[in-house]
Amino acid sequence: ERYNELYDAQRDEDFGKEAFRLSAIRTAPFYGVKLGGKELAT
């Protein structure tokens, strides 16, 4: 809900992400995935 508010305002007041990289999460279906890192090189 908060993230959608930031998108509507086109301003990330919480973490400062650029406006053009905000997105709304309102339209079903909704997606999610669990991620970890993939190591390329030390």
All heavy atoms as atom14 arrays in JSON, in Angstrom:
{
  "sequence": "ERYNELYDAQRDEDFGKEAFRLSAIRTAPFYGVKLGGKELAT",
  "atom14_mask": [
    [1, 1, 1, 1, 1, 1, 1, 1, 1, 0, 0, 0, 0, 0],
    [1, 1, 1, 1, 1, 1, 1, 1, 1, 1, 1, 0, 0, 0],
    [1, 1, 1, 1, 1, 1, 1, 1, 1, 1, 1, 1, 0, 0],
    [1, 1, 1, 1, 1, 1, 1, 1, 0, 0, 0, 0, 0, 0],
    [1, 1, 1, 1, 1, 1, 1, 1, 1, 0, 0, 0, 0, 0],
    [1, 1, 1, 1, 1, 1, 1, 1, 0, 0, 0, 0, 0, 0],
    [1, 1, 1, 1, 1, 1, 1, 1, 1, 1, 1, 1, 0, 0],
    [1, 1, 1, 1, 1, 1, 1, 1, 0, 0, 0, 0, 0, 0],
    [1, 1, 1, 1, 1, 0, 0, 0, 0, 0, 0, 0, 0, 0],
    [1, 1, 1, 1, 1, 1, 1, 1, 1, 0, 0, 0, 0, 0],
    [1, 1, 1, 1, 1, 1, 1, 1, 1, 1, 1, 0, 0, 0],
    [1, 1, 1, 1, 1, 1, 1, 1, 0, 0, 0, 0, 0, 0],
    [1, 1, 1, 1, 1, 1, 1, 1, 1, 0, 0, 0, 0, 0],
    [1, 1, 1, 1, 1, 1, 1, 1, 0, 0, 0, 0, 0, 0],
    [1, 1, 1, 1, 1, 1, 1, 1, 1, 1, 1, 0, 0, 0],
    [1, 1, 1, 1, 0, 0, 0, 0, 0, 0, 0, 0, 0, 0],
    [1, 1, 1, 1, 1, 1, 1, 1, 1, 0, 0, 0, 0, 0],
    [1, 1, 1, 1, 1, 1, 1, 1, 1, 0, 0, 0, 0, 0],
    [1, 1, 1, 1, 1, 0, 0, 0, 0, 0, 0, 0, 0, 0],
    [1, 1, 1, 1, 1, 1, 1, 1, 1, 1, 1, 0, 0, 0],
    [1, 1, 1, 1, 1, 1, 1, 1, 1, 1, 1, 0, 0, 0],
    [1, 1, 1, 1, 1, 1, 1, 1, 0, 0, 0, 0, 0, 0],
    [1, 1, 1, 1, 1, 1, 0, 0, 0, 0, 0, 0, 0, 0],
    [1, 1, 1, 1, 1, 0, 0, 0, 0, 0, 0, 0, 0, 0],
    [1, 1, 1, 1, 1, 1, 1, 1, 0, 0, 0, 0, 0, 0],
    [1, 1, 1, 1, 1, 1, 1, 1, 1, 1, 1, 0, 0, 0],
    [1, 1, 1, 1, 1, 1, 1, 0, 0, 0, 0, 0, 0, 0],
    [1, 1, 1, 1, 1, 0, 0, 0, 0, 0, 0, 0, 0, 0],
    [1, 1, 1, 1, 1, 1, 1, 0, 0, 0, 0, 0, 0, 0],
    [1, 1, 1, 1, 1, 1, 1, 1, 1, 1, 1, 0, 0, 0],
    [1, 1, 1, 1, 1, 1, 1, 1, 1, 1, 1, 1, 0, 0],
    [1, 1, 1, 1, 0, 0, 0, 0, 0, 0, 0, 0, 0, 0],
    [1, 1, 1, 1, 1, 1, 1, 0, 0, 0, 0, 0, 0, 0],
    [1, 1, 1, 1, 1, 1, 1, 1, 1, 0, 0, 0, 0, 0],
    [1, 1, 1, 1, 1, 1, 1, 1, 0, 0, 0, 0, 0, 0],
    [1, 1, 1, 1, 0, 0, 0, 0, 0, 0, 0, 0, 0, 0],
    [1, 1, 1, 1, 0, 0, 0, 0, 0, 0, 0, 0, 0, 0],
    [1, 1, 1, 1, 1, 1, 1, 1, 1, 0, 0, 0, 0, 0],
    [1, 1, 1, 1, 1, 1, 1, 1, 1, 0, 0, 0, 0, 0],
    [1, 1, 1, 1, 1, 1, 1, 1, 0, 0, 0, 0, 0, 0],
    [1, 1, 1, 1, 1, 0, 0, 0, 0, 0, 0, 0, 0, 0],
    [1, 1, 1, 1, 1, 1, 1, 0, 0, 0, 0, 0, 0, 0]
  ],
  "atom14_positions": [
    [[0.83, -1.2, 0.0], [0.0, 0.0, 0.0], [0.87, 1.26, 0.0], [0.61, 2.21, -0.75], [-0.92, 0.0, 1.21], [-1.85, 1.2, 1.27], [-2.78, 1.17, 2.47], [-2.72, 0.21, 3.26], [-3.57, 2.13, 2.63], [0.0, 0.0, 0.0], [0.0, 0.0, 0.0], [0.0, 0.0, 0.0], [0.0, 0.0, 0.0], [0.0, 0.0, 0.0]],
    [[1.89, 1.25, 0.83], [2.79, 2.39, 0.88], [3.53, 2.57, -0.44], [3.7, 3.69, -0.94], [3.79, 2.2, 2.02], [4.89, 3.25, 2.1], [4.34, 4.65, 2.29], [5.42, 5.62, 2.49], [5.25, 6.94, 2.43], [4.04, 7.45, 2.17], [6.28, 7.75, 2.62], [0.0, 0.0, 0.0], [0.0, 0.0, 0.0], [0.0, 0.0, 0.0]],
    [[3.94, 1.47, -1.04], [4.67, 1.55, -2.31], [3.78, 2.13, -3.41], [4.24, 2.93, -4.24], [5.18, 0.16, -2.7], [6.24, 0.17, -3.77], [7.53, 0.59, -3.49], [5.95, -0.25, -5.06], [8.51, 0.6, -4.47], [6.92, -0.24, -6.06], [8.19, 0.18, -5.76], [9.15, 0.19, -6.73], [0.0, 0.0, 0.0], [0.0, 0.0, 0.0]],
    [[2.5, 1.77, -3.4], [1.57, 2.33, -4.37], [1.39, 3.84, -4.15], [1.26, 4.61, -5.11], [0.22, 1.62, -4.28], [0.26, 0.24, -4.9], [1.05, -0.04, -5.8], [-0.61, -0.65, -4.42], [0.0, 0.0, 0.0], [0.0, 0.0, 0.0], [0.0, 0.0, 0.0], [0.0, 0.0, 0.0], [0.0, 0.0, 0.0], [0.0, 0.0, 0.0]],
    [[1.4, 4.26, -2.89], [1.31, 5.69, -2.6], [2.52, 6.44, -3.17], [2.38, 7.54, -3.73], [1.23, 5.92, -1.08], [-0.07, 5.44, -0.45], [-0.02, 5.54, 1.07], [1.05, 5.91, 1.6], [-1.04, 5.25, 1.73], [0.0, 0.0, 0.0], [0.0, 0.0, 0.0], [0.0, 0.0, 0.0], [0.0, 0.0, 0.0], [0.0, 0.0, 0.0]],
    [[3.69, 5.85, -3.02], [4.91, 6.47, -3.55], [4.86, 6.56, -5.06], [5.3, 7.55, -5.66], [6.13, 5.69, -3.09], [6.35, 5.59, -1.57], [7.54, 4.68, -1.26], [6.53, 6.97, -0.96], [0.0, 0.0, 0.0], [0.0, 0.0, 0.0], [0.0, 0.0, 0.0], [0.0, 0.0, 0.0], [0.0, 0.0, 0.0], [0.0, 0.0, 0.0]],
    [[4.32, 5.5, -5.69], [4.18, 5.52, -7.14], [3.22, 6.63, -7.57], [3.51, 7.39, -8.51], [3.68, 4.17, -7.65], [3.3, 4.18, -9.11], [4.27, 4.14, -10.1], [1.96, 4.29, -9.49], [3.92, 4.18, -11.45], [1.61, 4.33, -10.83], [2.59, 4.28, -11.81], [2.24, 4.33, -13.13], [0.0, 0.0, 0.0], [0.0, 0.0, 0.0]],
    [[2.09, 6.75, -6.88], [1.11, 7.78, -7.23], [1.72, 9.18, -7.1], [1.47, 10.07, -7.92], [-0.12, 7.67, -6.32], [-0.92, 6.41, -6.6], [-0.77, 5.83, -7.7], [-1.69, 5.99, -5.7], [0.0, 0.0, 0.0], [0.0, 0.0, 0.0], [0.0, 0.0, 0.0], [0.0, 0.0, 0.0], [0.0, 0.0, 0.0], [0.0, 0.0, 0.0]],
    [[2.51, 9.36, -6.06], [3.15, 10.66, -5.84], [4.35, 10.88, -6.74], [4.85, 12.01, -6.84], [3.57, 10.78, -4.38], [0.0, 0.0, 0.0], [0.0, 0.0, 0.0], [0.0, 0.0, 0.0], [0.0, 0.0, 0.0], [0.0, 0.0, 0.0], [0.0, 0.0, 0.0], [0.0, 0.0, 0.0], [0.0, 0.0, 0.0], [0.0, 0.0, 0.0]],
    [[4.8, 9.79, -7.41], [6.01, 9.85, -8.24], [7.2, 10.41, -7.46], [8.01, 11.18, -7.98], [5.76, 10.66, -9.51], [4.95, 9.92, -10.56], [5.69, 8.68, -11.09], [6.62, 8.8, -11.89], [5.29, 7.49, -10.65], [0.0, 0.0, 0.0], [0.0, 0.0, 0.0], [0.0, 0.0, 0.0], [0.0, 0.0, 0.0], [0.0, 0.0, 0.0]],
    [[7.28, 9.96, -6.2], [8.38, 10.38, -5.35], [8.58, 9.33, -4.25], [7.68, 9.08, -3.45], [8.11, 11.74, -4.73], [9.25, 12.26, -3.85], [8.92, 13.65, -3.31], [9.95, 14.12, -2.4], [11.08, 14.7, -2.78], [11.34, 14.88, -4.07], [11.98, 15.1, -1.9], [0.0, 0.0, 0.0], [0.0, 0.0, 0.0], [0.0, 0.0, 0.0]],
    [[9.75, 8.74, -4.22], [10.05, 7.74, -3.2], [10.61, 8.45, -1.97], [11.82, 8.68, -1.86], [11.05, 6.72, -3.74], [11.36, 5.6, -2.75], [10.77, 5.6, -1.65], [12.19, 4.74, -3.07], [0.0, 0.0, 0.0], [0.0, 0.0, 0.0], [0.0, 0.0, 0.0], [0.0, 0.0, 0.0], [0.0, 0.0, 0.0], [0.0, 0.0, 0.0]],
    [[9.74, 8.8, -1.05], [10.15, 9.51, 0.15], [10.77, 8.58, 1.19], [11.29, 9.06, 2.2], [8.95, 10.23, 0.77], [8.38, 11.32, -0.12], [7.18, 12.01, 0.49], [6.65, 11.45, 1.48], [6.79, 13.08, 0.0], [0.0, 0.0, 0.0], [0.0, 0.0, 0.0], [0.0, 0.0, 0.0], [0.0, 0.0, 0.0], [0.0, 0.0, 0.0]],
    [[10.71, 7.26, 0.96], [11.23, 6.32, 1.94], [12.68, 5.93, 1.67], [13.51, 5.94, 2.58], [10.37, 5.05, 1.96], [8.96, 5.33, 2.46], [8.74, 6.42, 3.03], [8.08, 4.47, 2.28], [0.0, 0.0, 0.0], [0.0, 0.0, 0.0], [0.0, 0.0, 0.0], [0.0, 0.0, 0.0], [0.0, 0.0, 0.0], [0.0, 0.0, 0.0]],
    [[12.98, 5.6, 0.39], [14.33, 5.14, 0.07], [14.98, 5.9, -1.09], [16.13, 5.65, -1.43], [14.33, 3.65, -0.25], [14.03, 2.78, 0.94], [12.76, 2.27, 1.15], [15.02, 2.5, 1.87], [12.48, 1.48, 2.25], [14.75, 1.71, 2.98], [13.47, 1.2, 3.17], [0.0, 0.0, 0.0], [0.0, 0.0, 0.0], [0.0, 0.0, 0.0]],
    [[14.24, 6.79, -1.72], [14.85, 7.65, -2.72], [15.04, 7.04, -4.09], [15.87, 7.51, -4.87], [0.0, 0.0, 0.0], [0.0, 0.0, 0.0], [0.0, 0.0, 0.0], [0.0, 0.0, 0.0], [0.0, 0.0, 0.0], [0.0, 0.0, 0.0], [0.0, 0.0, 0.0], [0.0, 0.0, 0.0], [0.0, 0.0, 0.0], [0.0, 0.0, 0.0]],
    [[14.27, 6.01, -4.42], [14.4, 5.45, -5.77], [13.86, 6.44, -6.8], [12.89, 7.15, -6.56], [13.66, 4.12, -5.88], [13.81, 3.45, -7.25], [13.49, 1.97, -7.22], [12.04, 1.69, -6.92], [11.75, 0.25, -7.01], [0.0, 0.0, 0.0], [0.0, 0.0, 0.0], [0.0, 0.0, 0.0], [0.0, 0.0, 0.0], [0.0, 0.0, 0.0]],
    [[14.49, 6.46, -7.97], [14.08, 7.38, -9.02], [12.62, 7.11, -9.42], [12.17, 5.97, -9.47], [14.98, 7.21, -10.25], [16.46, 7.42, -9.96], [17.16, 6.17, -9.43], [16.51, 5.12, -9.28], [18.38, 6.27, -9.16], [0.0, 0.0, 0.0], [0.0, 0.0, 0.0], [0.0, 0.0, 0.0], [0.0, 0.0, 0.0], [0.0, 0.0, 0.0]],
    [[11.9, 8.17, -9.74], [10.47, 8.04, -10.02], [10.19, 7.12, -11.19], [9.23, 6.34, -11.18], [9.88, 9.43, -10.28], [0.0, 0.0, 0.0], [0.0, 0.0, 0.0], [0.0, 0.0, 0.0], [0.0, 0.0, 0.0], [0.0, 0.0, 0.0], [0.0, 0.0, 0.0], [0.0, 0.0, 0.0], [0.0, 0.0, 0.0], [0.0, 0.0, 0.0]],
    [[11.05, 7.16, -12.23], [10.76, 6.34, -13.41], [10.97, 4.85, -13.14], [10.61, 4.02, -13.97], [11.58, 6.81, -14.61], [13.05, 6.44, -14.59], [13.52, 5.36, -15.32], [13.97, 7.2, -13.87], [14.87, 5.03, -15.32], [15.31, 6.89, -13.87], [15.77, 5.8, -14.59], [0.0, 0.0, 0.0], [0.0, 0.0, 0.0], [0.0, 0.0, 0.0]],
    [[11.52, 4.53, -11.99], [11.7, 3.13, -11.64], [10.77, 2.69, -10.5], [10.96, 1.63, -9.91], [13.16, 2.85, -11.29], [14.01, 2.83, -12.55], [15.42, 2.44, -12.31], [16.13, 2.23, -13.57], [17.44, 2.19, -13.7], [18.21, 2.35, -12.64], [18.0, 1.99, -14.88], [0.0, 0.0, 0.0], [0.0, 0.0, 0.0], [0.0, 0.0, 0.0]],
    [[9.75, 3.5, -10.21], [8.67, 3.07, -9.34], [7.61, 2.36, -10.19], [7.52, 2.58, -11.4], [8.05, 4.27, -8.64], [8.94, 4.99, -7.61], [8.31, 6.31, -7.2], [9.17, 4.1, -6.39], [0.0, 0.0, 0.0], [0.0, 0.0, 0.0], [0.0, 0.0, 0.0], [0.0, 0.0, 0.0], [0.0, 0.0, 0.0], [0.0, 0.0, 0.0]],
    [[6.81, 1.52, -9.56], [5.77, 0.8, -10.29], [4.6, 0.54, -9.35], [4.79, 0.36, -8.14], [6.3, -0.52, -10.85], [6.82, -1.32, -9.81], [0.0, 0.0, 0.0], [0.0, 0.0, 0.0], [0.0, 0.0, 0.0], [0.0, 0.0, 0.0], [0.0, 0.0, 0.0], [0.0, 0.0, 0.0], [0.0, 0.0, 0.0], [0.0, 0.0, 0.0]],
    [[3.39, 0.53, -9.9], [2.21, 0.2, -9.11], [2.04, -1.3, -8.99], [2.44, -2.06, -9.89], [0.98, 0.83, -9.75], [0.0, 0.0, 0.0], [0.0, 0.0, 0.0], [0.0, 0.0, 0.0], [0.0, 0.0, 0.0], [0.0, 0.0, 0.0], [0.0, 0.0, 0.0], [0.0, 0.0, 0.0], [0.0, 0.0, 0.0], [0.0, 0.0, 0.0]],
    [[1.46, -1.74, -7.88], [1.16, -3.16, -7.67], [-0.32, -3.24, -7.31], [-0.7, -3.33, -6.14], [2.05, -3.77, -6.57], [3.53, -3.53, -6.9], [1.79, -5.27, -6.43], [4.48, -3.94, -5.8], [0.0, 0.0, 0.0], [0.0, 0.0, 0.0], [0.0, 0.0, 0.0], [0.0, 0.0, 0.0], [0.0, 0.0, 0.0], [0.0, 0.0, 0.0]],
    [[-1.16, -3.18, -8.35], [-2.61, -3.11, -8.12], [-3.4, -4.06, -9.0], [-4.54, -4.4, -8.66], [-3.11, -1.68, -8.4], [-2.65, -0.64, -7.39], [-3.43, 0.65, -7.57], [-3.17, 1.59, -6.5], [-2.43, 2.7, -6.63], [-1.86, 2.99, -7.8], [-2.26, 3.52, -5.61], [0.0, 0.0, 0.0], [0.0, 0.0, 0.0], [0.0, 0.0, 0.0]],
    [[-2.84, -4.46, -10.11], [-3.61, -5.19, -11.12], [-3.25, -6.66, -11.12], [-2.12, -7.04, -11.42], [-3.35, -4.6, -12.52], [-3.58, -3.19, -12.5], [-4.26, -5.25, -13.55], [0.0, 0.0, 0.0], [0.0, 0.0, 0.0], [0.0, 0.0, 0.0], [0.0, 0.0, 0.0], [0.0, 0.0, 0.0], [0.0, 0.0, 0.0], [0.0, 0.0, 0.0]],
    [[-4.21, -7.5, -10.74], [-3.99, -8.94, -10.74], [-3.81, -9.45, -12.17], [-4.31, -8.84, -13.12], [-5.16, -9.63, -10.06], [0.0, 0.0, 0.0], [0.0, 0.0, 0.0], [0.0, 0.0, 0.0], [0.0, 0.0, 0.0], [0.0, 0.0, 0.0], [0.0, 0.0, 0.0], [0.0, 0.0, 0.0], [0.0, 0.0, 0.0], [0.0, 0.0, 0.0]],
    [[-3.1, -10.56, -12.34], [-2.48, -11.38, -11.28], [-1.2, -10.72, -10.72], [-0.55, -9.94, -11.4], [-2.15, -12.68, -11.99], [-1.95, -12.29, -13.42], [-2.92, -11.18, -13.67], [0.0, 0.0, 0.0], [0.0, 0.0, 0.0], [0.0, 0.0, 0.0], [0.0, 0.0, 0.0], [0.0, 0.0, 0.0], [0.0, 0.0, 0.0], [0.0, 0.0, 0.0]],
    [[-0.9, -11.1, -9.47], [0.29, -10.61, -8.79], [1.36, -11.71, -8.8], [1.05, -12.9, -8.76], [-0.04, -10.2, -7.36], [-1.1, -9.16, -7.28], [-2.4, -9.49, -6.9], [-0.83, -7.84, -7.58], [-3.39, -8.53, -6.83], [-1.81, -6.87, -7.52], [-3.11, -7.2, -7.14], [0.0, 0.0, 0.0], [0.0, 0.0, 0.0], [0.0, 0.0, 0.0]],
    [[2.61, -11.27, -8.83], [3.72, -12.21, -8.94], [4.74, -11.96, -7.83], [4.94, -10.82, -7.38], [4.45, -12.04, -10.27], [3.63, -12.26, -11.52], [2.8, -11.26, -12.01], [3.71, -13.47, -12.22], [2.06, -11.44, -13.17], [2.98, -13.66, -13.39], [2.16, -12.65, -13.85], [1.44, -12.83, -15.0], [0.0, 0.0, 0.0], [0.0, 0.0, 0.0]],
    [[5.42, -13.0, -7.43], [6.53, -12.88, -6.5], [7.45, -14.07, -6.65], [7.05, -15.15, -7.11], [0.0, 0.0, 0.0], [0.0, 0.0, 0.0], [0.0, 0.0, 0.0], [0.0, 0.0, 0.0], [0.0, 0.0, 0.0], [0.0, 0.0, 0.0], [0.0, 0.0, 0.0], [0.0, 0.0, 0.0], [0.0, 0.0, 0.0], [0.0, 0.0, 0.0]],
    [[8.72, -13.89, -6.26], [9.69, -14.97, -6.37], [10.72, -14.8, -5.27], [11.02, -13.69, -4.84], [10.36, -14.97, -7.77], [11.15, -13.69, -7.99], [11.24, -16.2, -7.96], [0.0, 0.0, 0.0], [0.0, 0.0, 0.0], [0.0, 0.0, 0.0], [0.0, 0.0, 0.0], [0.0, 0.0, 0.0], [0.0, 0.0, 0.0], [0.0, 0.0, 0.0]],
    [[11.26, -15.9, -4.81], [12.32, -15.89, -3.81], [13.66, -15.96, -4.53], [13.88, -16.83, -5.38], [12.17, -17.08, -2.86], [13.21, -17.15, -1.75], [12.91, -18.3, -0.8], [13.9, -18.33, 0.36], [13.57, -19.41, 1.33], [0.0, 0.0, 0.0], [0.0, 0.0, 0.0], [0.0, 0.0, 0.0], [0.0, 0.0, 0.0], [0.0, 0.0, 0.0]],
    [[14.58, -15.04, -4.17], [15.87, -14.96, -4.84], [17.02, -15.03, -3.85], [16.91, -14.6, -2.71], [16.0, -13.64, -5.62], [15.08, -13.39, -6.8], [15.42, -12.05, -7.43], [15.17, -14.5, -7.83], [0.0, 0.0, 0.0], [0.0, 0.0, 0.0], [0.0, 0.0, 0.0], [0.0, 0.0, 0.0], [0.0, 0.0, 0.0], [0.0, 0.0, 0.0]],
    [[18.13, -15.57, -4.34], [19.43, -15.47, -3.68], [20.46, -15.06, -4.71], [20.15, -14.9, -5.9], [0.0, 0.0, 0.0], [0.0, 0.0, 0.0], [0.0, 0.0, 0.0], [0.0, 0.0, 0.0], [0.0, 0.0, 0.0], [0.0, 0.0, 0.0], [0.0, 0.0, 0.0], [0.0, 0.0, 0.0], [0.0, 0.0, 0.0], [0.0, 0.0, 0.0]],
    [[21.69, -14.89, -4.28], [22.74, -14.46, -5.19], [23.29, -15.59, -6.03], [23.23, -16.76, -5.66], [0.0, 0.0, 0.0], [0.0, 0.0, 0.0], [0.0, 0.0, 0.0], [0.0, 0.0, 0.0], [0.0, 0.0, 0.0], [0.0, 0.0, 0.0], [0.0, 0.0, 0.0], [0.0, 0.0, 0.0], [0.0, 0.0, 0.0], [0.0, 0.0, 0.0]],
    [[23.81, -15.24, -7.19], [24.54, -16.15, -8.07], [25.96, -15.6, -8.22], [26.16, -14.55, -8.83], [23.87, -16.25, -9.44], [22.63, -17.12, -9.49], [22.98, -18.58, -9.65], [21.75, -19.41, -10.01], [22.08, -20.83, -10.16], [0.0, 0.0, 0.0], [0.0, 0.0, 0.0], [0.0, 0.0, 0.0], [0.0, 0.0, 0.0], [0.0, 0.0, 0.0]],
    [[26.92, -16.3, -7.67], [28.31, -15.84, -7.66], [28.97, -16.03, -9.02], [28.97, -17.12, -9.58], [29.09, -16.6, -6.59], [30.57, -16.43, -6.61], [31.05, -15.14, -5.97], [30.33, -14.14, -6.05], [32.14, -15.14, -5.39], [0.0, 0.0, 0.0], [0.0, 0.0, 0.0], [0.0, 0.0, 0.0], [0.0, 0.0, 0.0], [0.0, 0.0, 0.0]],
    [[29.56, -14.94, -9.54], [30.31, -15.02, -10.8], [31.81, -15.14, -10.55], [32.47, -15.98, -11.15], [30.06, -13.79, -11.67], [28.81, -13.79, -12.52], [27.59, -13.43, -11.67], [28.94, -12.78, -13.66], [0.0, 0.0, 0.0], [0.0, 0.0, 0.0], [0.0, 0.0, 0.0], [0.0, 0.0, 0.0], [0.0, 0.0, 0.0], [0.0, 0.0, 0.0]],
    [[32.34, -14.27, -9.7], [33.8, -14.25, -9.53], [34.15, -13.59, -8.2], [33.47, -12.66, -7.76], [34.47, -13.49, -10.68], [0.0, 0.0, 0.0], [0.0, 0.0, 0.0], [0.0, 0.0, 0.0], [0.0, 0.0, 0.0], [0.0, 0.0, 0.0], [0.0, 0.0, 0.0], [0.0, 0.0, 0.0], [0.0, 0.0, 0.0], [0.0, 0.0, 0.0]],
    [[35.23, -14.06, -7.6], [35.8, -13.38, -6.45], [36.79, -12.33, -6.93], [37.44, -12.49, -7.96], [36.51, -14.37, -5.52], [37.48, -15.13, -6.28], [35.52, -15.33, -4.89], [0.0, 0.0, 0.0], [0.0, 0.0, 0.0], [0.0, 0.0, 0.0], [0.0, 0.0, 0.0], [0.0, 0.0, 0.0], [0.0, 0.0, 0.0], [0.0, 0.0, 0.0]]
  ]
}
